[in-house]
Amino acid sequence: MHHHGYLWTGPKERFDNEALRRPPHPDPPPAPVSDDDVKAEQLLKRYREVA
């Protein structure tokens, strides 16, 4: 099996924001299950920033 990849040498914040340049998925992510669902809240926030 052959894989290609790259080493990110910049700051982590910039790496995290690279996905914002790509078009959003046509369907929004599922709603958070509870108020404690931090990951789902972050995903919704990122989806709103891109859409």
C-alpha atoms as a PDB file:
ATOM      1  CA  MET A   1       0.000   0.000   0.000  1.00  0.00           C
ATOM      2  CA  HIS A   2       1.308   3.442  -0.910  1.00  0.00           C
ATOM      3  CA  HIS A   3       0.499   6.592   1.091  1.00  0.00           C
ATOM      4  CA  HIS A   4       1.235  10.255   0.523  1.00  0.00           C
ATOM      5  CA  GLY A   5       1.287  12.811   3.281  1.00  0.00           C
ATOM      6  CA  TYR A   6       3.003  15.955   4.384  1.00  0.00           C
ATOM      7  CA  LEU A   7       4.500  17.336   7.546  1.00  0.00           C
ATOM      8  CA  TRP A   8       2.754  20.440   8.840  1.00  0.00           C
ATOM      9  CA  THR A   9       5.389  22.849  10.090  1.00  0.00           C
ATOM     10  CA  GLY A  10       3.171  25.839  10.856  1.00  0.00           C
ATOM     11  CA  PRO A  11       1.172  26.683  13.975  1.00  0.00           C
ATOM     12  CA  LYS A  12      -1.607  24.294  14.978  1.00  0.00           C
ATOM     13  CA  GLU A  13      -4.247  27.068  14.829  1.00  0.00           C
ATOM     14  CA  ARG A  14      -3.509  27.625  11.152  1.00  0.00           C
ATOM     15  CA  PHE A  15      -3.716  23.888  10.461  1.00  0.00           C
ATOM     16  CA  ASP A  16      -7.104  23.749  12.200  1.00  0.00           C
ATOM     17  CA  ASN A  17      -8.378  26.635  10.070  1.00  0.00           C
ATOM     18  CA  GLU A  18      -7.214  25.158   6.752  1.00  0.00           C
ATOM     19  CA  ALA A  19     -10.498  23.247   6.465  1.00  0.00           C
ATOM     20  CA  LEU A  20     -12.370  26.562   6.426  1.00  0.00           C
ATOM     21  CA  ARG A  21     -11.044  27.167   2.895  1.00  0.00           C
ATOM     22  CA  ARG A  22     -12.800  24.064   1.583  1.00  0.00           C
ATOM     23  CA  PRO A  23     -16.486  24.141   0.626  1.00  0.00           C
ATOM     24  CA  PRO A  24     -18.826  22.869   3.351  1.00  0.00           C
ATOM     25  CA  HIS A  25     -20.562  19.530   3.190  1.00  0.00           C
ATOM     26  CA  PRO A  26     -24.065  19.948   1.711  1.00  0.00           C
ATOM     27  CA  ASP A  27     -25.748  18.525   4.821  1.00  0.00           C
ATOM     28  CA  PRO A  28     -25.222  20.237   8.190  1.00  0.00           C
ATOM     29  CA  PRO A  29     -23.761  18.168  11.027  1.00  0.00           C
ATOM     30  CA  PRO A  30     -26.150  16.545  13.506  1.00  0.00           C
ATOM     31  CA  ALA A  31     -27.323  18.622  16.452  1.00  0.00           C
ATOM     32  CA  PRO A  32     -25.551  18.152  19.797  1.00  0.00           C
ATOM     33  CA  VAL A  33     -27.026  15.405  21.946  1.00  0.00           C
ATOM     34  CA  SER A  34     -26.722  17.389  25.178  1.00  0.00           C
ATOM     35  CA  ASP A  35     -25.410  20.694  26.502  1.00  0.00           C
ATOM     36  CA  ASP A  36     -22.168  18.936  27.472  1.00  0.00           C
ATOM     37  CA  ASP A  37     -21.410  17.877  23.883  1.00  0.00           C
ATOM     38  CA  VAL A  38     -18.487  20.259  23.323  1.00  0.00           C
ATOM     39  CA  LYS A  39     -17.200  18.559  20.160  1.00  0.00           C
ATOM     40  CA  ALA A  40     -20.594  18.836  18.449  1.00  0.00           C
ATOM     41  CA  GLU A  41     -20.837  22.516  19.420  1.00  0.00           C
ATOM     42  CA  GLN A  42     -17.402  23.167  17.903  1.00  0.00           C
ATOM     43  CA  LEU A  43     -18.401  21.330  14.734  1.00  0.00           C
ATOM     44  CA  LEU A  44     -21.591  23.390  14.397  1.00  0.00           C
ATOM     45  CA  LYS A  45     -19.628  26.606  14.941  1.00  0.00           C
ATOM     46  CA  ARG A  46     -17.135  25.684  12.215  1.00  0.00           C
ATOM     47  CA  TYR A  47     -19.951  24.714   9.855  1.00  0.00           C
ATOM     48  CA  ARG A  48     -21.629  28.101  10.409  1.00  0.00           C
ATOM     49  CA  GLU A  49     -18.336  29.939   9.749  1.00  0.00           C
ATOM     50  CA  VAL A  50     -17.940  28.235   6.381  1.00  0.00           C
ATOM     51  CA  ALA A  51     -21.555  28.242   5.219  1.00  0.00           C
END
